[in-house]
């Protein structure tokens, strides 16, 4: 009986306070000036909530650049309110995932582009709770609750009909009222594994396939390896242009026995080595910026068929001979290294092929249209194996553009720009430095 009375009182107070707030502002049916939807090019996650003239219950479930500034986030709002301790208060800032009442002056589809936020948990206290959303549509059955949810009722708000609707799911960009008739506070969190939405905020081990998205800059202090990834396949590690900063004596990624995986859009600095691929197959490294690391990408002889393209590896100033820095050390047979730029290393690429056994395939690594510039050695060959260089620019390297420590070798060069090479650096089949750098 007491719970029934309490529920009636809460419903009455909520309805009255909401109606009172509406009467104190502009007419709820005012249409205002129509405005075309915002056009947003987004390479991460885009949320487009429709804000109508009048009241809207909305949220921003991505780390959009407009946050936390209210004017940037809701530029056409006459008022933005949050609900706290049983009353409406003026919002001071917009927090990711949270719900807000927005009184908009015009009708407009907003565009929020940013990295998805899946980590938010809501604490549903007794009575009314105003919450936000997640980056994708989530059924209530895909949420984790700390206790039985029979005491919970979810409501969305239709800004066109001015009516509340019982909700069975959470849609991105919307806000929700949740009525909890229980005296116990209930914690509500997304089931990350069930939703297959892995947002990474710290260094750690990865053993599952699927998309893993970096959602903030990471500083890896006193950690032996930032990311250990082993014995898995079909991993897509997307840094989304966030940075990973380390310590010179540590490695960023230790990759063992992974296949068909991709590592992209990373800005990585101050590590010993960035990507160390051991016994990997068909892995891709693309669109990464590797800055001031002792080594960029290392691939062992037991790896094969790697695809490495559109990466930039560089130091601000020359690496000396004593620094012993190396852009690429790729022993993985069948690999393609293309359209990369390597600058200011001791060795732009270190070419080493182990002696072949009769049953082994040749290294046949293809270097295509790369730039090795301003290094001590552009291409440093210990044993050329069957490596093929085609259309590369190997220029302005301090000691030698192409250097072979044990000439002659079997590496072949075609249509390559370079100025200096050590004696006997080029075999009879395939010569280079025919096209000077300038």
Foldseek 3Di string as FASTA:
>chain_A
DVLVVVVVVLVVLVVVQVVVVCVVDDPLPDAADADEEDDDDAPAFKDWDKDTAFKAKWFAQFPFPQWFDPCSQQVQFPFKWAADPHHIDGDPTHDHFAIIITRGRHIYTYMGYHHGHQFDKDKAAAGKHKTHAGRAKAFQVQKDKPDDCPQKWKWWADSVVRDIDTDRIHGHTGMIIMHGSDRDIMMIHGPCVVVQPAEDDFFDEDEEAGEHEDRAAYEDEPDQERYEYEDEENHEYADLQHEYEYAQDHEHYEYYQYEHYEYENYEYEHYQEYEEAELYEAYEYEHYEYEHHLEYYEYDLNYAAYEYEHYEYEYPAADDLVSNGEHYEYNHAHYEHEHYEYEREQEDYEADYDDDDPPDDWRAYEYEAYEQEHYQESYEYAAHIAYEYENYEQEHHNNFSEEYPDPDHNYAYYNYEYQGYDPRPHDPHHDDNPHYND
